[in-house]
């Protein structure tokens, strides 16, 4: 197994080097996939720009399994690329879904695969975040920050085809199709008439992150704009 930290240093002995590496670096996020998808430059930029988050790369799923078995510390978030998820055995998939104390995310290459993941009942039940690999860097950083801090992000492009009617609203995670707690926080302030800038200040987020939460909340509420989303949110709360 080979774990590569954000500075490019690797450890090959799972039983000895890995626990030491994580003890020193404390990898809060572990990217699992090829360096073609999760390049050293992408990992380095992510680690540098999100200073409160430490990042490492496992080039294979075997690396993740060894990490869980032999490391003293577990990552808070695991992000898998599409090839890794496609090639999982049934046993590996069961192992992955059983990691209930670790947040999971999928970075897809093809929209079709992303949509298939969104329609996967087990992945939905597990609240797996799903987003494309080719996000603009500033959006990528915002999404990673949201997911690393306990939020959930689903790429709107793979949600839209699945929306046939306005969904019922389940707040604070009370259902697979409901708003996440952070989306609830944002919508509560939107319904109070506050601007994105004011919401960002109140919640300690960037304006861009607020916009991402609002966009996802609009989709889950079946709303086409901010005003309609606020109206649907108020109706659901009465």
C-alpha atoms as a PDB file:
ATOM      1  CA  UNK A   1       0.000   0.000   0.000  1.00  0.00           C
ATOM      2  CA  UNK A   2       1.132   3.508  -0.701  1.00  0.00           C
ATOM      3  CA  UNK A   3      -0.181   6.638   1.048  1.00  0.00           C
ATOM      4  CA  UNK A   4       1.016   9.934  -0.363  1.00  0.00           C
ATOM      5  CA  UNK A   5       0.744  13.033   1.774  1.00  0.00           C
ATOM      6  CA  UNK A   6       0.170  16.507   0.396  1.00  0.00           C
ATOM      7  CA  UNK A   7       3.912  17.108   0.281  1.00  0.00           C
ATOM      8  CA  UNK A   8       4.460  14.059  -1.907  1.00  0.00           C
ATOM      9  CA  UNK A   9       6.144  11.916   0.765  1.00  0.00           C
ATOM     10  CA  UNK A  10       4.958   8.319   0.666  1.00  0.00           C
ATOM     11  CA  UNK A  11       4.954   5.328   2.993  1.00  0.00           C
ATOM     12  CA  UNK A  12       4.981   1.748   1.641  1.00  0.00           C
ATOM     13  CA  UNK A  13       4.736  -0.299   4.840  1.00  0.00           C
ATOM     14  CA  UNK A  14       1.115  -0.270   5.988  1.00  0.00           C
ATOM     15  CA  UNK A  15       1.897  -1.551   9.472  1.00  0.00           C
ATOM     16  CA  UNK A  16       4.783   0.778  10.282  1.00  0.00           C
ATOM     17  CA  UNK A  17       4.960   3.838   8.030  1.00  0.00           C
ATOM     18  CA  UNK A  18       1.215   4.482   7.716  1.00  0.00           C
ATOM     19  CA  UNK A  19       0.315   4.991  11.385  1.00  0.00           C
ATOM     20  CA  UNK A  20       3.361   7.212  11.772  1.00  0.00           C
ATOM     21  CA  UNK A  21       2.420   9.217   8.696  1.00  0.00           C
ATOM     22  CA  UNK A  22      -1.136   9.813   9.877  1.00  0.00           C
ATOM     23  CA  UNK A  23      -0.027  10.559  13.417  1.00  0.00           C
ATOM     24  CA  UNK A  24       2.224  13.289  12.051  1.00  0.00           C
ATOM     25  CA  UNK A  25       0.044  14.610   9.253  1.00  0.00           C
ATOM     26  CA  UNK A  26      -3.449  13.632  10.487  1.00  0.00           C
ATOM     27  CA  UNK A  27      -5.050  13.245   7.052  1.00  0.00           C
ATOM     28  CA  UNK A  28      -8.547  14.644   7.497  1.00  0.00           C
ATOM     29  CA  UNK A  29      -9.350  13.917   3.845  1.00  0.00           C
ATOM     30  CA  UNK A  30      -8.186  10.850   1.962  1.00  0.00           C
ATOM     31  CA  UNK A  31      -8.535  10.907  -1.820  1.00  0.00           C
ATOM     32  CA  UNK A  32      -8.681   7.383  -3.254  1.00  0.00           C
ATOM     33  CA  UNK A  33      -7.877   7.088  -6.943  1.00  0.00           C
ATOM     34  CA  UNK A  34      -5.289   7.508  -9.634  1.00  0.00           C
ATOM     35  CA  UNK A  35      -2.861  10.412  -9.768  1.00  0.00           C
ATOM     36  CA  UNK A  36      -4.281  11.079 -13.224  1.00  0.00           C
ATOM     37  CA  UNK A  37      -7.547  12.154 -11.576  1.00  0.00           C
ATOM     38  CA  UNK A  38      -6.181  13.332  -8.221  1.00  0.00           C
ATOM     39  CA  UNK A  39      -2.938  14.916  -9.367  1.00  0.00           C
ATOM     40  CA  UNK A  40      -0.204  16.003  -6.998  1.00  0.00           C
ATOM     41  CA  UNK A  41      -0.879  19.632  -7.955  1.00  0.00           C
ATOM     42  CA  UNK A  42      -4.617  19.286  -7.167  1.00  0.00           C
ATOM     43  CA  UNK A  43      -3.898  17.657  -3.807  1.00  0.00           C
ATOM     44  CA  UNK A  44      -1.282  20.295  -2.965  1.00  0.00           C
ATOM     45  CA  UNK A  45      -3.545  23.227  -3.911  1.00  0.00           C
ATOM     46  CA  UNK A  46      -6.431  21.737  -1.934  1.00  0.00           C
ATOM     47  CA  UNK A  47      -4.236  21.346   1.122  1.00  0.00           C
ATOM     48  CA  UNK A  48      -2.716  24.826   0.755  1.00  0.00           C
ATOM     49  CA  UNK A  49      -5.981  26.695   0.181  1.00  0.00           C
ATOM     50  CA  UNK A  50      -7.923  24.838   2.886  1.00  0.00           C
ATOM     51  CA  UNK A  51      -5.386  25.419   5.625  1.00  0.00           C
ATOM     52  CA  UNK A  52      -7.502  23.782   8.332  1.00  0.00           C
ATOM     53  CA  UNK A  53      -7.738  20.524   6.358  1.00  0.00           C
ATOM     54  CA  UNK A  54      -4.929  18.021   5.822  1.00  0.00           C
ATOM     55  CA  UNK A  55      -5.031  15.927   2.653  1.00  0.00           C
ATOM     56  CA  UNK A  56      -3.504  12.626   1.520  1.00  0.00           C
ATOM     57  CA  UNK A  57      -3.859  10.288  -1.468  1.00  0.00           C
ATOM     58  CA  UNK A  58      -4.262   6.512  -1.608  1.00  0.00           C
ATOM     59  CA  UNK A  59      -3.791   5.345  -5.232  1.00  0.00           C
ATOM     60  CA  UNK A  60      -5.982   2.268  -4.697  1.00  0.00           C
ATOM     61  CA  UNK A  61      -8.893   1.035  -2.602  1.00  0.00           C
ATOM     62  CA  UNK A  62      -6.532  -1.459  -1.024  1.00  0.00           C
ATOM     63  CA  UNK A  63      -4.762   1.550   0.438  1.00  0.00           C
ATOM     64  CA  UNK A  64      -7.981   2.684   2.113  1.00  0.00           C
ATOM     65  CA  UNK A  65      -8.619  -0.775   3.550  1.00  0.00           C
ATOM     66  CA  UNK A  66      -5.085  -0.945   4.944  1.00  0.00           C
ATOM     67  CA  UNK A  67      -5.533   2.528   6.412  1.00  0.00           C
ATOM     68  CA  UNK A  68      -8.653   1.489   8.302  1.00  0.00           C
ATOM     69  CA  UNK A  69      -7.099  -1.773   9.506  1.00  0.00           C
ATOM     70  CA  UNK A  70      -3.701  -0.512  10.629  1.00  0.00           C
ATOM     71  CA  UNK A  71      -3.859   3.254  11.276  1.00  0.00           C
ATOM     72  CA  UNK A  72      -4.505   4.748  14.693  1.00  0.00           C
ATOM     73  CA  UNK A  73      -6.472   7.660  13.175  1.00  0.00           C
ATOM     74  CA  UNK A  74      -9.217   7.518  10.548  1.00  0.00           C
ATOM     75  CA  UNK A  75      -9.879  10.189   7.898  1.00  0.00           C
ATOM     76  CA  UNK A  76     -12.972  12.320   8.393  1.00  0.00           C
ATOM     77  CA  UNK A  77     -13.755  12.179   4.666  1.00  0.00           C
ATOM     78  CA  UNK A  78     -12.960   9.738   1.856  1.00  0.00           C
ATOM     79  CA  UNK A  79     -13.283  10.927  -1.757  1.00  0.00           C
ATOM     80  CA  UNK A  80     -13.211   8.210  -4.435  1.00  0.00           C
ATOM     81  CA  UNK A  81     -12.778   8.769  -8.164  1.00  0.00           C
ATOM     82  CA  UNK A  82     -15.040   7.059 -10.699  1.00  0.00           C
ATOM     83  CA  UNK A  83     -12.630   4.291 -11.795  1.00  0.00           C
ATOM     84  CA  UNK A  84     -12.083   3.242  -8.183  1.00  0.00           C
ATOM     85  CA  UNK A  85     -15.810   2.989  -7.465  1.00  0.00           C
ATOM     86  CA  UNK A  86     -16.509   1.198 -10.749  1.00  0.00           C
ATOM     87  CA  UNK A  87     -13.930  -1.491  -9.951  1.00  0.00           C
ATOM     88  CA  UNK A  88     -15.003  -2.243  -6.382  1.00  0.00           C
ATOM     89  CA  UNK A  89     -15.785  -5.859  -5.595  1.00  0.00           C
ATOM     90  CA  UNK A  90     -18.953  -6.651  -3.699  1.00  0.00           C
ATOM     91  CA  UNK A  91     -16.898  -7.115  -0.543  1.00  0.00           C
ATOM     92  CA  UNK A  92     -15.108  -3.770  -1.018  1.00  0.00           C
ATOM     93  CA  UNK A  93     -18.410  -1.965  -1.584  1.00  0.00           C
ATOM     94  CA  UNK A  94     -19.882  -3.463   1.584  1.00  0.00           C
ATOM     95  CA  UNK A  95     -16.739  -2.438   3.490  1.00  0.00           C
ATOM     96  CA  UNK A  96     -17.031   1.116   2.160  1.00  0.00           C
ATOM     97  CA  UNK A  97     -20.705   1.550   3.014  1.00  0.00           C
ATOM     98  CA  UNK A  98     -20.121   0.174   6.516  1.00  0.00           C
ATOM     99  CA  UNK A  99     -17.755   3.059   7.385  1.00  0.00           C
ATOM    100  CA  UNK A 100     -20.527   4.995   9.082  1.00  0.00           C
ATOM    101  CA  UNK A 101     -18.209   7.316  11.003  1.00  0.00           C
ATOM    102  CA  UNK A 102     -16.483   8.487   7.803  1.00  0.00           C
ATOM    103  CA  UNK A 103     -18.115  10.850   5.290  1.00  0.00           C
ATOM    104  CA  UNK A 104     -18.009   9.600   1.698  1.00  0.00           C
ATOM    105  CA  UNK A 105     -17.877  11.444  -1.621  1.00  0.00           C
ATOM    106  CA  UNK A 106     -17.628  10.411  -5.271  1.00  0.00           C
ATOM    107  CA  UNK A 107     -15.801  12.521  -7.877  1.00  0.00           C
ATOM    108  CA  UNK A 108     -17.147  11.327 -11.221  1.00  0.00           C
ATOM    109  CA  UNK A 109     -15.711  11.657 -14.724  1.00  0.00           C
ATOM    110  CA  UNK A 110     -18.919  11.054 -16.706  1.00  0.00           C
ATOM    111  CA  UNK A 111     -22.317  12.603 -16.005  1.00  0.00           C
ATOM    112  CA  UNK A 112     -23.992   9.270 -16.679  1.00  0.00           C
ATOM    113  CA  UNK A 113     -22.044   7.602 -13.900  1.00  0.00           C
ATOM    114  CA  UNK A 114     -22.776  10.507 -11.562  1.00  0.00           C
ATOM    115  CA  UNK A 115     -26.509  10.178 -12.287  1.00  0.00           C
ATOM    116  CA  UNK A 116     -26.317   6.419 -11.688  1.00  0.00           C
ATOM    117  CA  UNK A 117     -24.688   7.048  -8.310  1.00  0.00           C
ATOM    118  CA  UNK A 118     -27.404   9.572  -7.437  1.00  0.00           C
ATOM    119  CA  UNK A 119     -30.015   6.941  -8.250  1.00  0.00           C
ATOM    120  CA  UNK A 120     -28.265   4.271  -6.174  1.00  0.00           C
ATOM    121  CA  UNK A 121     -30.442   3.638  -3.111  1.00  0.00           C
ATOM    122  CA  UNK A 122     -27.562   2.470  -0.917  1.00  0.00           C
ATOM    123  CA  UNK A 123     -25.440   5.513  -1.753  1.00  0.00           C
ATOM    124  CA  UNK A 124     -28.379   7.849  -1.150  1.00  0.00           C
ATOM    125  CA  UNK A 125     -29.082   6.211   2.197  1.00  0.00           C
ATOM    126  CA  UNK A 126     -25.417   6.692   3.086  1.00  0.00           C
ATOM    127  CA  UNK A 127     -25.675  10.430   2.198  1.00  0.00           C
ATOM    128  CA  UNK A 128     -22.742  10.205  -0.227  1.00  0.00           C
ATOM    129  CA  UNK A 129     -21.765  13.510  -1.841  1.00  0.00           C
ATOM    130  CA  UNK A 130     -21.471  13.377  -5.649  1.00  0.00           C
ATOM    131  CA  UNK A 131     -19.687  15.920  -7.835  1.00  0.00           C
ATOM    132  CA  UNK A 132     -17.616  16.045 -11.058  1.00  0.00           C
ATOM    133  CA  UNK A 133     -13.842  15.997 -11.183  1.00  0.00           C
ATOM    134  CA  UNK A 134     -13.729  18.880 -13.658  1.00  0.00           C
ATOM    135  CA  UNK A 135     -15.120  21.554 -11.342  1.00  0.00           C
ATOM    136  CA  UNK A 136     -13.554  24.990 -11.554  1.00  0.00           C
ATOM    137  CA  UNK A 137     -10.895  25.196  -8.840  1.00  0.00           C
ATOM    138  CA  UNK A 138     -12.716  27.744  -6.669  1.00  0.00           C
ATOM    139  CA  UNK A 139     -15.898  25.656  -6.821  1.00  0.00           C
ATOM    140  CA  UNK A 140     -13.921  22.478  -6.089  1.00  0.00           C
ATOM    141  CA  UNK A 141     -12.418  24.056  -2.977  1.00  0.00           C
ATOM    142  CA  UNK A 142     -15.824  25.256  -1.763  1.00  0.00           C
ATOM    143  CA  UNK A 143     -17.386  21.828  -2.293  1.00  0.00           C
ATOM    144  CA  UNK A 144     -14.539  20.021  -0.524  1.00  0.00           C
ATOM    145  CA  UNK A 145     -14.790  22.417   2.404  1.00  0.00           C
ATOM    146  CA  UNK A 146     -18.561  21.889   2.672  1.00  0.00           C
ATOM    147  CA  UNK A 147     -18.271  18.106   2.643  1.00  0.00           C
ATOM    148  CA  UNK A 148     -15.221  17.996   4.939  1.00  0.00           C
ATOM    149  CA  UNK A 149     -17.099  19.987   7.572  1.00  0.00           C
ATOM    150  CA  UNK A 150     -20.101  17.671   7.617  1.00  0.00           C
ATOM    151  CA  UNK A 151     -22.198  19.038   4.763  1.00  0.00           C
ATOM    152  CA  UNK A 152     -23.548  17.193   1.753  1.00  0.00           C
ATOM    153  CA  UNK A 153     -23.193  18.240  -1.886  1.00  0.00           C
ATOM    154  CA  UNK A 154     -24.883  16.769  -4.941  1.00  0.00           C
ATOM    155  CA  UNK A 155     -24.038  18.223  -8.347  1.00  0.00           C
ATOM    156  CA  UNK A 156     -27.203  19.987  -9.594  1.00  0.00           C
ATOM    157  CA  UNK A 157     -26.704  18.658 -13.125  1.00  0.00           C
ATOM    158  CA  UNK A 158     -27.354  15.084 -11.993  1.00  0.00           C
ATOM    159  CA  UNK A 159     -30.282  16.052  -9.757  1.00  0.00           C
ATOM    160  CA  UNK A 160     -32.284  17.967 -12.369  1.00  0.00           C
ATOM    161  CA  UNK A 161     -33.325  14.967 -14.520  1.00  0.00           C
ATOM    162  CA  UNK A 162     -34.628  13.223 -11.414  1.00  0.00           C
ATOM    163  CA  UNK A 163     -36.933  16.063 -10.391  1.00  0.00           C
ATOM    164  CA  UNK A 164     -40.456  15.396 -11.597  1.00  0.00           C
ATOM    165  CA  UNK A 165     -42.397  17.231  -8.890  1.00  0.00           C
ATOM    166  CA  UNK A 166     -41.646  19.483  -5.914  1.00  0.00           C
ATOM    167  CA  UNK A 167     -40.454  17.160  -3.136  1.00  0.00           C
ATOM    168  CA  UNK A 168     -41.725  17.163   0.396  1.00  0.00           C
ATOM    169  CA  UNK A 169     -39.353  18.962   2.734  1.00  0.00           C
ATOM    170  CA  UNK A 170     -37.606  17.104   5.506  1.00  0.00           C
ATOM    171  CA  UNK A 171     -35.308  19.394   7.442  1.00  0.00           C
ATOM    172  CA  UNK A 172     -32.033  18.731   9.237  1.00  0.00           C
ATOM    173  CA  UNK A 173     -31.464  15.356   7.649  1.00  0.00           C
ATOM    174  CA  UNK A 174     -34.909  13.861   8.433  1.00  0.00           C
ATOM    175  CA  UNK A 175     -35.023  11.906   5.190  1.00  0.00           C
ATOM    176  CA  UNK A 176     -32.980  11.162   2.110  1.00  0.00           C
ATOM    177  CA  UNK A 177     -34.577  13.891   0.024  1.00  0.00           C
ATOM    178  CA  UNK A 178     -34.568  16.593   2.700  1.00  0.00           C
ATOM    179  CA  UNK A 179     -32.442  19.634   3.258  1.00  0.00           C
ATOM    180  CA  UNK A 180     -29.132  19.188   5.015  1.00  0.00           C
ATOM    181  CA  UNK A 181     -28.662  21.040   8.281  1.00  0.00           C
ATOM    182  CA  UNK A 182     -26.535  23.713   6.599  1.00  0.00           C
ATOM    183  CA  UNK A 183     -29.063  24.160   3.783  1.00  0.00           C
ATOM    184  CA  UNK A 184     -31.710  24.556   6.501  1.00  0.00           C
ATOM    185  CA  UNK A 185     -29.591  27.238   8.187  1.00  0.00           C
ATOM    186  CA  UNK A 186     -29.197  29.120   4.909  1.00  0.00           C
ATOM    187  CA  UNK A 187     -32.879  28.853   3.958  1.00  0.00           C
ATOM    188  CA  UNK A 188     -34.015  30.004   7.381  1.00  0.00           C
ATOM    189  CA  UNK A 189     -32.039  33.230   6.874  1.00  0.00           C
ATOM    190  CA  UNK A 190     -33.167  33.577   3.249  1.00  0.00           C
ATOM    191  CA  UNK A 191     -36.775  33.321   4.446  1.00  0.00           C
ATOM    192  CA  UNK A 192     -35.985  36.081   6.941  1.00  0.00           C
ATOM    193  CA  UNK A 193     -35.006  38.317   4.011  1.00  0.00           C
ATOM    194  CA  UNK A 194     -31.265  38.380   4.613  1.00  0.00           C
ATOM    195  CA  UNK A 195     -28.803  38.799   1.738  1.00  0.00           C
ATOM    196  CA  UNK A 196     -26.115  36.281   0.800  1.00  0.00           C
ATOM    197  CA  UNK A 197     -23.480  38.550   2.292  1.00  0.00           C
ATOM    198  CA  UNK A 198     -25.375  38.799   5.583  1.00  0.00           C
ATOM    199  CA  UNK A 199     -25.959  35.030   5.654  1.00  0.00           C
ATOM    200  CA  UNK A 200     -22.254  34.408   5.036  1.00  0.00           C
ATOM    201  CA  UNK A 201     -21.344  36.664   7.964  1.00  0.00           C
ATOM    202  CA  UNK A 202     -23.936  35.054  10.261  1.00  0.00           C
ATOM    203  CA  UNK A 203     -22.841  31.482   9.484  1.00  0.00           C
ATOM    204  CA  UNK A 204     -19.108  32.093   9.117  1.00  0.00           C
ATOM    205  CA  UNK A 205     -19.093  31.017   5.456  1.00  0.00           C
ATOM    206  CA  UNK A 206     -17.932  32.576   2.209  1.00  0.00           C
ATOM    207  CA  UNK A 207     -20.576  34.144  -0.055  1.00  0.00           C
ATOM    208  CA  UNK A 208     -19.698  31.549  -2.703  1.00  0.00           C
ATOM    209  CA  UNK A 209     -20.382  28.708  -0.257  1.00  0.00           C
ATOM    210  CA  UNK A 210     -23.722  30.275   0.680  1.00  0.00           C
ATOM    211  CA  UNK A 211     -24.651  30.370  -3.015  1.00  0.00           C
ATOM    212  CA  UNK A 212     -23.781  26.659  -3.378  1.00  0.00           C
ATOM    213  CA  UNK A 213     -25.984  25.752  -0.413  1.00  0.00           C
ATOM    214  CA  UNK A 214     -28.798  27.924  -1.736  1.00  0.00           C
ATOM    215  CA  UNK A 215     -28.585  26.406  -5.206  1.00  0.00           C
ATOM    216  CA  UNK A 216     -28.816  22.881  -3.816  1.00  0.00           C
ATOM    217  CA  UNK A 217     -31.651  23.875  -1.481  1.00  0.00           C
ATOM    218  CA  UNK A 218     -33.560  25.332  -4.464  1.00  0.00           C
ATOM    219  CA  UNK A 219     -33.278  21.991  -6.260  1.00  0.00           C
ATOM    220  CA  UNK A 220     -34.409  19.996  -3.256  1.00  0.00           C
ATOM    221  CA  UNK A 221     -37.335  22.354  -2.692  1.00  0.00           C
ATOM    222  CA  UNK A 222     -38.318  22.222  -6.361  1.00  0.00           C
ATOM    223  CA  UNK A 223     -37.937  26.012  -6.582  1.00  0.00           C
ATOM    224  CA  UNK A 224     -36.773  27.991  -9.609  1.00  0.00           C
ATOM    225  CA  UNK A 225     -35.499  31.065  -7.794  1.00  0.00           C
ATOM    226  CA  UNK A 226     -34.703  32.528  -4.388  1.00  0.00           C
ATOM    227  CA  UNK A 227     -38.166  33.980  -3.814  1.00  0.00           C
ATOM    228  CA  UNK A 228     -39.948  30.732  -4.637  1.00  0.00           C
ATOM    229  CA  UNK A 229     -37.524  28.776  -2.441  1.00  0.00           C
ATOM    230  CA  UNK A 230     -38.206  31.079   0.506  1.00  0.00           C
ATOM    231  CA  UNK A 231     -41.959  30.718  -0.043  1.00  0.00           C
ATOM    232  CA  UNK A 232     -41.789  26.908  -0.175  1.00  0.00           C
ATOM    233  CA  UNK A 233     -39.581  26.870   2.905  1.00  0.00           C
ATOM    234  CA  UNK A 234     -42.007  29.038   4.898  1.00  0.00           C
ATOM    235  CA  UNK A 235     -44.940  26.870   3.823  1.00  0.00           C
ATOM    236  CA  UNK A 236     -43.153  23.747   5.002  1.00  0.00           C
ATOM    237  CA  UNK A 237     -42.442  25.308   8.386  1.00  0.00           C
ATOM    238  CA  UNK A 238     -46.065  26.300   9.081  1.00  0.00           C
END
